[in-house]
Structure formats: structure tokens, C-alpha cells
Amino acid sequence: MSIALLTLDLPLGVLLAVVAVVGLGTSGTQTLIYGFVANYYRTNVRGAGVAWCAGFGRFGGVAGPLLGGFLISAGFQLNAIFSVLAGLGLLGLLLALPVPTGRHELHSILIEPTPHAVKP
């Protein structure tokens, strides 16, 4: 929503406030997603879940500027580019909504050390 507000003809002070909200939203989301993913997956697959999350985050970090460059080279107006980015943000929201966020019931598993071979 805040990205869409960047397309409006706003006074400079209001525009800077909107840019700050956009920055908080993107930086905050990138930071909080790691905590969410770490709590979402079981312990034995948590590392893989966080790694996949980081990988897709890096992909987005590369694909976003590429998409912006392609849209600029195709002659799109700046307002249209921001609208495309806002639409992608909305798509991300719609994809994230079905993810269950309830607490999982944790089961304790007792792990005992294996006995070492006794030398005669």
C-alpha cells in the first residue's frame, strides 16, 4: 500500500514519510521472516527451512532490480513501475496469508549417548 502511495503527487515531507514507511516495511519483513521460519519448522529441518528462506530472499534481491531495469528499458513510466512493485507486494501478501501461524505442539525426544566400545 505504501509503495502505491509513492505514485501520488505528494508534498516532499509527506513523500519522505511514505518512503520511510516503505523502508521500515521491507527491512522489517526481511528481518522478521527469519524468526518466523525458525519457529515454524521442526528442529531437524529448521536449518534447511531458514536456508531456503534466505535463498529466495537473495533471489528477490537480484530479481527486483532486474525487473525494475527491464521496465525502465521498456519505457514504462515511474508510476507504472511502482504500481507493478505494489502488485508484487500484494501477491506476496496473498501467498503468505494461507500459511498457518498457530503454535505447533512440541514433543520432547530424549536422545541418549551411544555407549562407546570398551577396549579389552
PDB file of N, CA and C in Angstrom:
ATOM      1  N   MET A   1       0.826  -1.183   0.000  1.00  0.00           N
ATOM      2  CA  MET A   1       0.000   0.000   0.000  1.00  0.00           C
ATOM      3  C   MET A   1       0.875   1.253   0.000  1.00  0.00           C
ATOM      4  N   SER A   2       1.918   1.235   0.821  1.00  0.00           N
ATOM      5  CA  SER A   2       2.787   2.405   0.889  1.00  0.00           C
ATOM      6  C   SER A   2       3.524   2.623  -0.424  1.00  0.00           C
ATOM      7  N   ILE A   3       3.889   1.531  -1.101  1.00  0.00           N
ATOM      8  CA  ILE A   3       4.562   1.686  -2.394  1.00  0.00           C
ATOM      9  C   ILE A   3       3.627   2.352  -3.388  1.00  0.00           C
ATOM     10  N   ALA A   4       2.347   2.017  -3.349  1.00  0.00           N
ATOM     11  CA  ALA A   4       1.372   2.655  -4.241  1.00  0.00           C
ATOM     12  C   ALA A   4       1.246   4.138  -3.934  1.00  0.00           C
ATOM     13  N   LEU A   5       1.410   4.538  -2.679  1.00  0.00           N
ATOM     14  CA  LEU A   5       1.343   5.956  -2.330  1.00  0.00           C
ATOM     15  C   LEU A   5       2.495   6.751  -2.938  1.00  0.00           C
ATOM     16  N   LEU A   6       3.588   6.080  -3.276  1.00  0.00           N
ATOM     17  CA  LEU A   6       4.713   6.772  -3.901  1.00  0.00           C
ATOM     18  C   LEU A   6       4.367   7.296  -5.288  1.00  0.00           C
ATOM     19  N   THR A   7       3.322   6.771  -5.898  1.00  0.00           N
ATOM     20  CA  THR A   7       2.939   7.214  -7.240  1.00  0.00           C
ATOM     21  C   THR A   7       2.133   8.501  -7.215  1.00  0.00           C
ATOM     22  N   LEU A   8       1.660   8.920  -6.048  1.00  0.00           N
ATOM     23  CA  LEU A   8       0.847  10.133  -5.950  1.00  0.00           C
ATOM     24  C   LEU A   8       1.735  11.367  -5.901  1.00  0.00           C
ATOM     25  N   ASP A   9       1.173  12.490  -6.297  1.00  0.00           N
ATOM     26  CA  ASP A   9       1.891  13.759  -6.254  1.00  0.00           C
ATOM     27  C   ASP A   9       1.738  14.353  -4.859  1.00  0.00           C
ATOM     28  N   LEU A  10       2.614  13.942  -3.954  1.00  0.00           N
ATOM     29  CA  LEU A  10       2.528  14.355  -2.555  1.00  0.00           C
ATOM     30  C   LEU A  10       3.580  15.421  -2.266  1.00  0.00           C
ATOM     31  N   PRO A  11       3.328  16.257  -1.242  1.00  0.00           N
ATOM     32  CA  PRO A  11       4.377  17.197  -0.823  1.00  0.00           C
ATOM     33  C   PRO A  11       5.620  16.439  -0.357  1.00  0.00           C
ATOM     34  N   LEU A  12       6.768  17.094  -0.446  1.00  0.00           N
ATOM     35  CA  LEU A  12       8.035  16.436  -0.165  1.00  0.00           C
ATOM     36  C   LEU A  12       8.079  15.819   1.231  1.00  0.00           C
ATOM     37  N   GLY A  13       7.598  16.512   2.247  1.00  0.00           N
ATOM     38  CA  GLY A  13       7.628  15.971   3.606  1.00  0.00           C
ATOM     39  C   GLY A  13       6.804  14.709   3.742  1.00  0.00           C
ATOM     40  N   VAL A  14       5.626  14.705   3.137  1.00  0.00           N
ATOM     41  CA  VAL A  14       4.756  13.516   3.182  1.00  0.00           C
ATOM     42  C   VAL A  14       5.393  12.383   2.384  1.00  0.00           C
ATOM     43  N   LEU A  15       5.973  12.717   1.240  1.00  0.00           N
ATOM     44  CA  LEU A  15       6.631  11.705   0.411  1.00  0.00           C
ATOM     45  C   LEU A  15       7.790  11.047   1.162  1.00  0.00           C
ATOM     46  N   LEU A  16       8.567  11.843   1.875  1.00  0.00           N
ATOM     47  CA  LEU A  16       9.668  11.279   2.656  1.00  0.00           C
ATOM     48  C   LEU A  16       9.160  10.384   3.778  1.00  0.00           C
ATOM     49  N   ALA A  17       8.030  10.755   4.385  1.00  0.00           N
ATOM     50  CA  ALA A  17       7.438   9.908   5.423  1.00  0.00           C
ATOM     51  C   ALA A  17       6.965   8.576   4.828  1.00  0.00           C
ATOM     52  N   VAL A  18       6.387   8.621   3.634  1.00  0.00           N
ATOM     53  CA  VAL A  18       5.938   7.389   2.970  1.00  0.00           C
ATOM     54  C   VAL A  18       7.140   6.517   2.617  1.00  0.00           C
ATOM     55  N   VAL A  19       8.225   7.142   2.139  1.00  0.00           N
ATOM     56  CA  VAL A  19       9.444   6.385   1.829  1.00  0.00           C
ATOM     57  C   VAL A  19       9.983   5.712   3.097  1.00  0.00           C
ATOM     58  N   ALA A  20       9.908   6.401   4.231  1.00  0.00           N
ATOM     59  CA  ALA A  20      10.357   5.811   5.495  1.00  0.00           C
ATOM     60  C   ALA A  20       9.502   4.605   5.863  1.00  0.00           C
ATOM     61  N   VAL A  21       8.191   4.707   5.668  1.00  0.00           N
ATOM     62  CA  VAL A  21       7.295   3.574   5.968  1.00  0.00           C
ATOM     63  C   VAL A  21       7.598   2.400   5.043  1.00  0.00           C
ATOM     64  N   VAL A  22       7.840   2.684   3.759  1.00  0.00           N
ATOM     65  CA  VAL A  22       8.197   1.617   2.814  1.00  0.00           C
ATOM     66  C   VAL A  22       9.492   0.940   3.250  1.00  0.00           C
ATOM     67  N   GLY A  23      10.476   1.735   3.649  1.00  0.00           N
ATOM     68  CA  GLY A  23      11.749   1.169   4.101  1.00  0.00           C
ATOM     69  C   GLY A  23      11.599   0.327   5.352  1.00  0.00           C
ATOM     70  N   LEU A  24      10.796   0.811   6.305  1.00  0.00           N
ATOM     71  CA  LEU A  24      10.549   0.018   7.511  1.00  0.00           C
ATOM     72  C   LEU A  24       9.852  -1.284   7.180  1.00  0.00           C
ATOM     73  N   GLY A  25       8.897  -1.220   6.260  1.00  0.00           N
ATOM     74  CA  GLY A  25       8.160  -2.437   5.893  1.00  0.00           C
ATOM     75  C   GLY A  25       9.035  -3.468   5.228  1.00  0.00           C
ATOM     76  N   THR A  26       9.871  -3.035   4.301  1.00  0.00           N
ATOM     77  CA  THR A  26      10.704  -4.016   3.606  1.00  0.00           C
ATOM     78  C   THR A  26      11.817  -4.538   4.504  1.00  0.00           C
ATOM     79  N   SER A  27      12.495  -3.654   5.207  1.00  0.00           N
ATOM     80  CA  SER A  27      13.575  -4.104   6.099  1.00  0.00           C
ATOM     81  C   SER A  27      13.033  -4.933   7.250  1.00  0.00           C
ATOM     82  N   GLY A  28      11.912  -4.509   7.810  1.00  0.00           N
ATOM     83  CA  GLY A  28      11.303  -5.255   8.913  1.00  0.00           C
ATOM     84  C   GLY A  28      10.851  -6.632   8.489  1.00  0.00           C
ATOM     85  N   THR A  29      10.269  -6.716   7.299  1.00  0.00           N
ATOM     86  CA  THR A  29       9.811  -8.012   6.800  1.00  0.00           C
ATOM     87  C   THR A  29      10.988  -8.946   6.576  1.00  0.00           C
ATOM     88  N   GLN A  30      12.055  -8.434   5.988  1.00  0.00           N
ATOM     89  CA  GLN A  30      13.221  -9.271   5.733  1.00  0.00           C
ATOM     90  C   GLN A  30      13.851  -9.768   7.027  1.00  0.00           C
ATOM     91  N   THR A  31      13.789  -8.964   8.071  1.00  0.00           N
ATOM     92  CA  THR A  31      14.372  -9.365   9.348  1.00  0.00           C
ATOM     93  C   THR A  31      13.464 -10.343  10.085  1.00  0.00           C
ATOM     94  N   LEU A  32      12.182 -10.059  10.113  1.00  0.00           N
ATOM     95  CA  LEU A  32      11.249 -10.884  10.883  1.00  0.00           C
ATOM     96  C   LEU A  32      10.984 -12.245  10.259  1.00  0.00           C
ATOM     97  N   ILE A  33      11.153 -12.356   8.936  1.00  0.00           N
ATOM     98  CA  ILE A  33      10.844 -13.628   8.285  1.00  0.00           C
ATOM     99  C   ILE A  33      11.762 -14.743   8.783  1.00  0.00           C
ATOM    100  N   TYR A  34      13.012 -14.413   9.128  1.00  0.00           N
ATOM    101  CA  TYR A  34      13.930 -15.446   9.624  1.00  0.00           C
ATOM    102  C   TYR A  34      13.465 -15.996  10.968  1.00  0.00           C
ATOM    103  N   GLY A  35      12.986 -15.123  11.848  1.00  0.00           N
ATOM    104  CA  GLY A  35      12.450 -15.588  13.124  1.00  0.00           C
ATOM    105  C   GLY A  35      11.207 -16.426  12.945  1.00  0.00           C
ATOM    106  N   PHE A  36      10.339 -16.010  12.021  1.00  0.00           N
ATOM    107  CA  PHE A  36       9.124 -16.786  11.750  1.00  0.00           C
ATOM    108  C   PHE A  36       9.472 -18.169  11.224  1.00  0.00           C
ATOM    109  N   VAL A  37      10.374 -18.223  10.259  1.00  0.00           N
ATOM    110  CA  VAL A  37      10.741 -19.507   9.658  1.00  0.00           C
ATOM    111  C   VAL A  37      11.423 -20.404  10.685  1.00  0.00           C
ATOM    112  N   ALA A  38      12.277 -19.830  11.515  1.00  0.00           N
ATOM    113  CA  ALA A  38      12.976 -20.634  12.525  1.00  0.00           C
ATOM    114  C   ALA A  38      12.002 -21.225  13.533  1.00  0.00           C
ATOM    115  N   ASN A  39      10.935 -20.526  13.851  1.00  0.00           N
ATOM    116  CA  ASN A  39       9.939 -21.054  14.780  1.00  0.00           C
ATOM    117  C   ASN A  39       8.917 -21.951  14.093  1.00  0.00           C
ATOM    118  N   TYR A  40       8.784 -21.844  12.795  1.00  0.00           N
ATOM    119  CA  TYR A  40       7.758 -22.594  12.069  1.00  0.00           C
ATOM    120  C   TYR A  40       8.167 -24.045  11.849  1.00  0.00           C
ATOM    121  N   TYR A  41       9.424 -24.274  11.505  1.00  0.00           N
ATOM    122  CA  TYR A  41       9.875 -25.625  11.171  1.00  0.00           C
ATOM    123  C   TYR A  41      10.353 -26.382  12.400  1.00  0.00           C
ATOM    124  N   ARG A  42      10.247 -27.710  12.325  1.00  0.00           N
ATOM    125  CA  ARG A  42      10.769 -28.568  13.387  1.00  0.00           C
ATOM    126  C   ARG A  42      12.280 -28.431  13.433  1.00  0.00           C
ATOM    127  N   THR A  43      12.830 -28.845  14.548  1.00  0.00           N
ATOM    128  CA  THR A  43      14.267 -28.684  14.769  1.00  0.00           C
ATOM    129  C   THR A  43      15.098 -29.411  13.716  1.00  0.00           C
ATOM    130  N   ASN A  44      14.688 -30.606  13.323  1.00  0.00           N
ATOM    131  CA  ASN A  44      15.515 -31.388  12.402  1.00  0.00           C
ATOM    132  C   ASN A  44      15.509 -30.845  10.968  1.00  0.00           C
ATOM    133  N   VAL A  45      14.600 -29.948  10.626  1.00  0.00           N
ATOM    134  CA  VAL A  45      14.589 -29.357   9.281  1.00  0.00           C
ATOM    135  C   VAL A  45      14.683 -27.831   9.335  1.00  0.00           C
ATOM    136  N   ARG A  46      14.915 -27.298  10.504  1.00  0.00           N
ATOM    137  CA  ARG A  46      14.940 -25.841  10.671  1.00  0.00           C
ATOM    138  C   ARG A  46      16.042 -25.186   9.845  1.00  0.00           C
ATOM    139  N   GLY A  47      17.222 -25.775   9.839  1.00  0.00           N
ATOM    140  CA  GLY A  47      18.331 -25.201   9.070  1.00  0.00           C
ATOM    141  C   GLY A  47      18.007 -25.131   7.588  1.00  0.00           C
ATOM    142  N   ALA A  48      17.397 -26.191   7.062  1.00  0.00           N
ATOM    143  CA  ALA A  48      17.035 -26.195   5.645  1.00  0.00           C
ATOM    144  C   ALA A  48      15.951 -25.154   5.357  1.00  0.00           C
ATOM    145  N   GLY A  49      14.985 -25.015   6.265  1.00  0.00           N
ATOM    146  CA  GLY A  49      13.927 -24.031   6.073  1.00  0.00           C
ATOM    147  C   GLY A  49      14.450 -22.610   6.054  1.00  0.00           C
ATOM    148  N   VAL A  50      15.343 -22.294   6.982  1.00  0.00           N
ATOM    149  CA  VAL A  50      15.925 -20.951   7.027  1.00  0.00           C
ATOM    150  C   VAL A  50      16.818 -20.730   5.805  1.00  0.00           C
ATOM    151  N   ALA A  51      17.539 -21.762   5.374  1.00  0.00           N
ATOM    152  CA  ALA A  51      18.398 -21.631   4.198  1.00  0.00           C
ATOM    153  C   ALA A  51      17.578 -21.372   2.936  1.00  0.00           C
ATOM    154  N   TRP A  52      16.465 -22.091   2.780  1.00  0.00           N
ATOM    155  CA  TRP A  52      15.596 -21.847   1.626  1.00  0.00           C
ATOM    156  C   TRP A  52      15.023 -20.438   1.674  1.00  0.00           C
ATOM    157  N   CYS A  53      14.646 -20.001   2.863  1.00  0.00           N
ATOM    158  CA  CYS A  53      14.123 -18.644   3.031  1.00  0.00           C
ATOM    159  C   CYS A  53      15.175 -17.619   2.626  1.00  0.00           C
ATOM    160  N   ALA A  54      16.393 -17.798   3.076  1.00  0.00           N
ATOM    161  CA  ALA A  54      17.472 -16.874   2.727  1.00  0.00           C
ATOM    162  C   ALA A  54      17.758 -16.919   1.232  1.00  0.00           C
ATOM    163  N   GLY A  55      17.702 -18.105   0.642  1.00  0.00           N
ATOM    164  CA  GLY A  55      17.946 -18.239  -0.795  1.00  0.00           C
ATOM    165  C   GLY A  55      16.915 -17.501  -1.620  1.00  0.00           C
ATOM    166  N   PHE A  56      15.644 -17.664  -1.277  1.00  0.00           N
ATOM    167  CA  PHE A  56      14.602 -16.956  -2.011  1.00  0.00           C
ATOM    168  C   PHE A  56      14.679 -15.455  -1.750  1.00  0.00           C
ATOM    169  N   GLY A  57      15.101 -15.069  -0.563  1.00  0.00           N
ATOM    170  CA  GLY A  57      15.299 -13.647  -0.282  1.00  0.00           C
ATOM    171  C   GLY A  57      16.393 -13.061  -1.155  1.00  0.00           C
ATOM    172  N   ARG A  58      17.480 -13.808  -1.337  1.00  0.00           N
ATOM    173  CA  ARG A  58      18.558 -13.343  -2.213  1.00  0.00           C
ATOM    174  C   ARG A  58      18.085 -13.284  -3.659  1.00  0.00           C
ATOM    175  N   PHE A  59      17.277 -14.258  -4.046  1.00  0.00           N
ATOM    176  CA  PHE A  59      16.717 -14.256  -5.403  1.00  0.00           C
ATOM    177  C   PHE A  59      15.882 -12.992  -5.621  1.00  0.00           C
ATOM    178  N   GLY A  60      15.074 -12.638  -4.640  1.00  0.00           N
ATOM    179  CA  GLY A  60      14.272 -11.424  -4.749  1.00  0.00           C
ATOM    180  C   GLY A  60      15.130 -10.179  -4.787  1.00  0.00           C
ATOM    181  N   GLY A  61      16.237 -10.197  -4.040  1.00  0.00           N
ATOM    182  CA  GLY A  61      17.144  -9.064  -4.041  1.00  0.00           C
ATOM    183  C   GLY A  61      17.820  -8.849  -5.385  1.00  0.00           C
ATOM    184  N   VAL A  62      17.956  -9.914  -6.166  1.00  0.00           N
ATOM    185  CA  VAL A  62      18.538  -9.807  -7.501  1.00  0.00           C
ATOM    186  C   VAL A  62      17.444  -9.553  -8.530  1.00  0.00           C
ATOM    187  N   ALA A  63      16.325 -10.248  -8.413  1.00  0.00           N
ATOM    188  CA  ALA A  63      15.257 -10.141  -9.411  1.00  0.00           C
ATOM    189  C   ALA A  63      14.556  -8.785  -9.376  1.00  0.00           C
ATOM    190  N   GLY A  64      14.438  -8.165  -8.189  1.00  0.00           N
ATOM    191  CA  GLY A  64      13.754  -6.883  -8.091  1.00  0.00           C
ATOM    192  C   GLY A  64      14.420  -5.792  -8.910  1.00  0.00           C
ATOM    193  N   PRO A  65      15.729  -5.543  -8.717  1.00  0.00           N
ATOM    194  CA  PRO A  65      16.392  -4.538  -9.552  1.00  0.00           C
ATOM    195  C   PRO A  65      16.418  -4.904 -11.041  1.00  0.00           C
ATOM    196  N   LEU A  66      16.524  -6.205 -11.347  1.00  0.00           N
ATOM    197  CA  LEU A  66      16.474  -6.606 -12.753  1.00  0.00           C
ATOM    198  C   LEU A  66      15.124  -6.264 -13.371  1.00  0.00           C
ATOM    199  N   LEU A  67      14.057  -6.562 -12.628  1.00  0.00           N
ATOM    200  CA  LEU A  67      12.713  -6.236 -13.121  1.00  0.00           C
ATOM    201  C   LEU A  67      12.565  -4.731 -13.307  1.00  0.00           C
ATOM    202  N   GLY A  68      13.042  -3.963 -12.332  1.00  0.00           N
ATOM    203  CA  GLY A  68      12.985  -2.509 -12.468  1.00  0.00           C
ATOM    204  C   GLY A  68      13.760  -2.027 -13.693  1.00  0.00           C
ATOM    205  N   GLY A  69      14.936  -2.583 -13.919  1.00  0.00           N
ATOM    206  CA  GLY A  69      15.725  -2.212 -15.089  1.00  0.00           C
ATOM    207  C   GLY A  69      15.031  -2.568 -16.396  1.00  0.00           C
ATOM    208  N   PHE A  70      14.424  -3.754 -16.441  1.00  0.00           N
ATOM    209  CA  PHE A  70      13.694  -4.149 -17.650  1.00  0.00           C
ATOM    210  C   PHE A  70      12.509  -3.223 -17.906  1.00  0.00           C
ATOM    211  N   LEU A  71      11.793  -2.865 -16.840  1.00  0.00           N
ATOM    212  CA  LEU A  71      10.637  -1.986 -17.015  1.00  0.00           C
ATOM    213  C   LEU A  71      11.070  -0.586 -17.450  1.00  0.00           C
ATOM    214  N   ILE A  72      12.180  -0.098 -16.903  1.00  0.00           N
ATOM    215  CA  ILE A  72      12.684   1.217 -17.327  1.00  0.00           C
ATOM    216  C   ILE A  72      13.127   1.164 -18.788  1.00  0.00           C
ATOM    217  N   SER A  73      13.848   0.101 -19.167  1.00  0.00           N
ATOM    218  CA  SER A  73      14.320  -0.002 -20.552  1.00  0.00           C
ATOM    219  C   SER A  73      13.169  -0.205 -21.537  1.00  0.00           C
ATOM    220  N   ALA A  74      12.053  -0.750 -21.052  1.00  0.00           N
ATOM    221  CA  ALA A  74      10.876  -0.929 -21.910  1.00  0.00           C
ATOM    222  C   ALA A  74      10.082   0.366 -22.043  1.00  0.00           C
ATOM    223  N   GLY A  75      10.480   1.412 -21.305  1.00  0.00           N
ATOM    224  CA  GLY A  75       9.819   2.704 -21.451  1.00  0.00           C
ATOM    225  C   GLY A  75       8.660   2.939 -20.501  1.00  0.00           C
ATOM    226  N   PHE A  76       8.540   2.115 -19.469  1.00  0.00           N
ATOM    227  CA  PHE A  76       7.458   2.315 -18.506  1.00  0.00           C
ATOM    228  C   PHE A  76       7.698   3.592 -17.704  1.00  0.00           C
ATOM    229  N   GLN A  77       6.626   4.284 -17.387  1.00  0.00           N
ATOM    230  CA  GLN A  77       6.704   5.459 -16.529  1.00  0.00           C
ATOM    231  C   GLN A  77       7.005   5.009 -15.107  1.00  0.00           C
ATOM    232  N   LEU A  78       7.566   5.913 -14.316  1.00  0.00           N
ATOM    233  CA  LEU A  78       7.930   5.588 -12.944  1.00  0.00           C
ATOM    234  C   LEU A  78       6.702   5.175 -12.125  1.00  0.00           C
ATOM    235  N   ASN A  79       5.572   5.830 -12.352  1.00  0.00           N
ATOM    236  CA  ASN A  79       4.345   5.460 -11.635  1.00  0.00           C
ATOM    237  C   ASN A  79       3.912   4.035 -11.953  1.00  0.00           C
ATOM    238  N   ALA A  80       4.064   3.631 -13.192  1.00  0.00           N
ATOM    239  CA  ALA A  80       3.693   2.268 -13.579  1.00  0.00           C
ATOM    240  C   ALA A  80       4.622   1.247 -12.923  1.00  0.00           C
ATOM    241  N   ILE A  81       5.910   1.584 -12.820  1.00  0.00           N
ATOM    242  CA  ILE A  81       6.859   0.665 -12.178  1.00  0.00           C
ATOM    243  C   ILE A  81       6.508   0.488 -10.709  1.00  0.00           C
ATOM    244  N   PHE A  82       6.186   1.584 -10.026  1.00  0.00           N
ATOM    245  CA  PHE A  82       5.786   1.466  -8.626  1.00  0.00           C
ATOM    246  C   PHE A  82       4.493   0.668  -8.488  1.00  0.00           C
ATOM    247  N   SER A  83       3.593   0.794  -9.451  1.00  0.00           N
ATOM    248  CA  SER A  83       2.346   0.014  -9.408  1.00  0.00           C
ATOM    249  C   SER A  83       2.633  -1.474  -9.561  1.00  0.00           C
ATOM    250  N   VAL A  84       3.576  -1.808 -10.444  1.00  0.00           N
ATOM    251  CA  VAL A  84       3.962  -3.218 -10.609  1.00  0.00           C
ATOM    252  C   VAL A  84       4.563  -3.747  -9.311  1.00  0.00           C
ATOM    253  N   LEU A  85       5.442  -2.964  -8.686  1.00  0.00           N
ATOM    254  CA  LEU A  85       6.057  -3.391  -7.433  1.00  0.00           C
ATOM    255  C   LEU A  85       5.018  -3.535  -6.316  1.00  0.00           C
ATOM    256  N   ALA A  86       4.048  -2.619  -6.285  1.00  0.00           N
ATOM    257  CA  ALA A  86       2.979  -2.732  -5.289  1.00  0.00           C
ATOM    258  C   ALA A  86       2.146  -3.985  -5.536  1.00  0.00           C
ATOM    259  N   GLY A  87       1.902  -4.297  -6.799  1.00  0.00           N
ATOM    260  CA  GLY A  87       1.162  -5.523  -7.125  1.00  0.00           C
ATOM    261  C   GLY A  87       1.917  -6.772  -6.696  1.00  0.00           C
ATOM    262  N   LEU A  88       3.237  -6.769  -6.873  1.00  0.00           N
ATOM    263  CA  LEU A  88       4.036  -7.915  -6.419  1.00  0.00           C
ATOM    264  C   LEU A  88       4.023  -8.036  -4.900  1.00  0.00           C
ATOM    265  N   GLY A  89       4.020  -6.897  -4.210  1.00  0.00           N
ATOM    266  CA  GLY A  89       3.895  -6.932  -2.755  1.00  0.00           C
ATOM    267  C   GLY A  89       2.555  -7.498  -2.318  1.00  0.00           C
ATOM    268  N   LEU A  90       1.500  -7.123  -3.024  1.00  0.00           N
ATOM    269  CA  LEU A  90       0.168  -7.663  -2.731  1.00  0.00           C
ATOM    270  C   LEU A  90       0.115  -9.159  -3.010  1.00  0.00           C
ATOM    271  N   LEU A  91       0.760  -9.591  -4.086  1.00  0.00           N
ATOM    272  CA  LEU A  91       0.832 -11.025  -4.381  1.00  0.00           C
ATOM    273  C   LEU A  91       1.549 -11.769  -3.256  1.00  0.00           C
ATOM    274  N   GLY A  92       2.639 -11.202  -2.753  1.00  0.00           N
ATOM    275  CA  GLY A  92       3.346 -11.808  -1.624  1.00  0.00           C
ATOM    276  C   GLY A  92       2.468 -11.921  -0.396  1.00  0.00           C
ATOM    277  N   LEU A  93       1.676 -10.885  -0.139  1.00  0.00           N
ATOM    278  CA  LEU A  93       0.746 -10.935   0.990  1.00  0.00           C
ATOM    279  C   LEU A  93      -0.276 -12.047   0.809  1.00  0.00           C
ATOM    280  N   LEU A  94      -0.837 -12.158  -0.386  1.00  0.00           N
ATOM    281  CA  LEU A  94      -1.837 -13.199  -0.638  1.00  0.00           C
ATOM    282  C   LEU A  94      -1.242 -14.601  -0.528  1.00  0.00           C
ATOM    283  N   LEU A  95       0.021 -14.754  -0.915  1.00  0.00           N
ATOM    284  CA  LEU A  95       0.674 -16.060  -0.790  1.00  0.00           C
ATOM    285  C   LEU A  95       1.021 -16.387   0.662  1.00  0.00           C
ATOM    286  N   ALA A  96       1.234 -15.375   1.484  1.00  0.00           N
ATOM    287  CA  ALA A  96       1.606 -15.601   2.877  1.00  0.00           C
ATOM    288  C   ALA A  96       0.389 -15.834   3.774  1.00  0.00           C
ATOM    289  N   LEU A  97      -0.769 -15.364   3.373  1.00  0.00           N
ATOM    290  CA  LEU A  97      -1.954 -15.493   4.231  1.00  0.00           C
ATOM    291  C   LEU A  97      -2.343 -16.933   4.566  1.00  0.00           C
ATOM    292  N   PRO A  98      -2.266 -17.883   3.641  1.00  0.00           N
ATOM    293  CA  PRO A  98      -2.675 -19.251   3.993  1.00  0.00           C
ATOM    294  C   PRO A  98      -1.700 -19.996   4.898  1.00  0.00           C
ATOM    295  N   VAL A  99      -0.519 -19.446   5.164  1.00  0.00           N
ATOM    296  CA  VAL A  99       0.463 -20.135   6.000  1.00  0.00           C
ATOM    297  C   VAL A  99      -0.049 -20.155   7.436  1.00  0.00           C
ATOM    298  N   PRO A 100      -0.215 -21.356   8.009  1.00  0.00           N
ATOM    299  CA  PRO A 100      -0.704 -21.417   9.398  1.00  0.00           C
ATOM    300  C   PRO A 100       0.321 -20.834  10.359  1.00  0.00           C
ATOM    301  N   THR A 101      -0.156 -20.022  11.296  1.00  0.00           N
ATOM    302  CA  THR A 101       0.760 -19.383  12.235  1.00  0.00           C
ATOM    303  C   THR A 101       0.550 -19.847  13.662  1.00  0.00           C
ATOM    304  N   GLY A 102      -0.357 -20.809  13.877  1.00  0.00           N
ATOM    305  CA  GLY A 102      -0.588 -21.303  15.230  1.00  0.00           C
ATOM    306  C   GLY A 102       0.631 -22.012  15.776  1.00  0.00           C
ATOM    307  N   ARG A 103       0.727 -22.038  17.074  1.00  0.00           N
ATOM    308  CA  ARG A 103       1.865 -22.708  17.705  1.00  0.00           C
ATOM    309  C   ARG A 103       1.752 -24.207  17.486  1.00  0.00           C
ATOM    310  N   HIS A 104       2.851 -24.803  17.114  1.00  0.00           N
ATOM    311  CA  HIS A 104       2.895 -26.255  16.961  1.00  0.00           C
ATOM    312  C   HIS A 104       3.138 -26.876  18.333  1.00  0.00           C
ATOM    313  N   GLU A 105       2.533 -28.017  18.533  1.00  0.00           N
ATOM    314  CA  GLU A 105       2.782 -28.719  19.790  1.00  0.00           C
ATOM    315  C   GLU A 105       4.141 -29.392  19.693  1.00  0.00           C
ATOM    316  N   LEU A 106       4.994 -29.071  20.620  1.00  0.00           N
ATOM    317  CA  LEU A 106       6.337 -29.625  20.603  1.00  0.00           C
ATOM    318  C   LEU A 106       6.393 -30.900  21.417  1.00  0.00           C
ATOM    319  N   HIS A 107       7.062 -31.889  20.885  1.00  0.00           N
ATOM    320  CA  HIS A 107       7.243 -33.155  21.582  1.00  0.00           C
ATOM    321  C   HIS A 107       8.715 -33.301  21.921  1.00  0.00           C
ATOM    322  N   SER A 108       8.987 -33.610  23.154  1.00  0.00           N
ATOM    323  CA  SER A 108      10.366 -33.816  23.561  1.00  0.00           C
ATOM    324  C   SER A 108      10.814 -35.205  23.165  1.00  0.00           C
ATOM    325  N   ILE A 109      12.013 -35.279  22.654  1.00  0.00           N
ATOM    326  CA  ILE A 109      12.607 -36.560  22.285  1.00  0.00           C
ATOM    327  C   ILE A 109      13.888 -36.693  23.088  1.00  0.00           C
ATOM    328  N   LEU A 110      13.948 -37.742  23.860  1.00  0.00           N
ATOM    329  CA  LEU A 110      15.130 -37.979  24.663  1.00  0.00           C
ATOM    330  C   LEU A 110      16.199 -38.622  23.788  1.00  0.00           C
ATOM    331  N   ILE A 111      17.324 -37.980  23.704  1.00  0.00           N
ATOM    332  CA  ILE A 111      18.447 -38.504  22.923  1.00  0.00           C
ATOM    333  C   ILE A 111      19.530 -38.907  23.907  1.00  0.00           C
ATOM    334  N   GLU A 112      19.840 -40.186  23.904  1.00  0.00           N
ATOM    335  CA  GLU A 112      20.846 -40.693  24.828  1.00  0.00           C
ATOM    336  C   GLU A 112      22.135 -40.971  24.068  1.00  0.00           C
ATOM    337  N   PRO A 113      23.255 -40.738  24.731  1.00  0.00           N
ATOM    338  CA  PRO A 113      24.526 -41.011  24.045  1.00  0.00           C
ATOM    339  C   PRO A 113      24.694 -42.502  23.812  1.00  0.00           C
ATOM    340  N   THR A 114      25.350 -42.806  22.713  1.00  0.00           N
ATOM    341  CA  THR A 114      25.621 -44.213  22.428  1.00  0.00           C
ATOM    342  C   THR A 114      26.810 -44.659  23.259  1.00  0.00           C
ATOM    343  N   PRO A 115      26.752 -45.872  23.775  1.00  0.00           N
ATOM    344  CA  PRO A 115      27.883 -46.339  24.584  1.00  0.00           C
ATOM    345  C   PRO A 115      29.114 -46.546  23.697  1.00  0.00           C
ATOM    346  N   HIS A 116      30.235 -46.097  24.202  1.00  0.00           N
ATOM    347  CA  HIS A 116      31.489 -46.267  23.465  1.00  0.00           C
ATOM    348  C   HIS A 116      31.954 -47.705  23.565  1.00  0.00           C
ATOM    349  N   ALA A 117      32.655 -48.131  22.563  1.00  0.00           N
ATOM    350  CA  ALA A 117      33.181 -49.501  22.579  1.00  0.00           C
ATOM    351  C   ALA A 117      34.242 -49.584  23.681  1.00  0.00           C
ATOM    352  N   VAL A 118      34.113 -50.597  24.466  1.00  0.00           N
ATOM    353  CA  VAL A 118      35.057 -50.790  25.577  1.00  0.00           C
ATOM    354  C   VAL A 118      36.224 -51.608  25.066  1.00  0.00           C
ATOM    355  N   LYS A 119      37.430 -51.077  25.292  1.00  0.00           N
ATOM    356  CA  LYS A 119      38.621 -51.809  24.866  1.00  0.00           C
ATOM    357  C   LYS A 119      38.961 -52.863  25.908  1.00  0.00           C
ATOM    358  N   PRO A 120      39.267 -54.097  25.477  1.00  0.00           N
ATOM    359  CA  PRO A 120      39.593 -55.147  26.463  1.00  0.00           C
ATOM    360  C   PRO A 120      40.941 -54.991  27.104  1.00  0.00           C
TER     361      PRO A 120
END
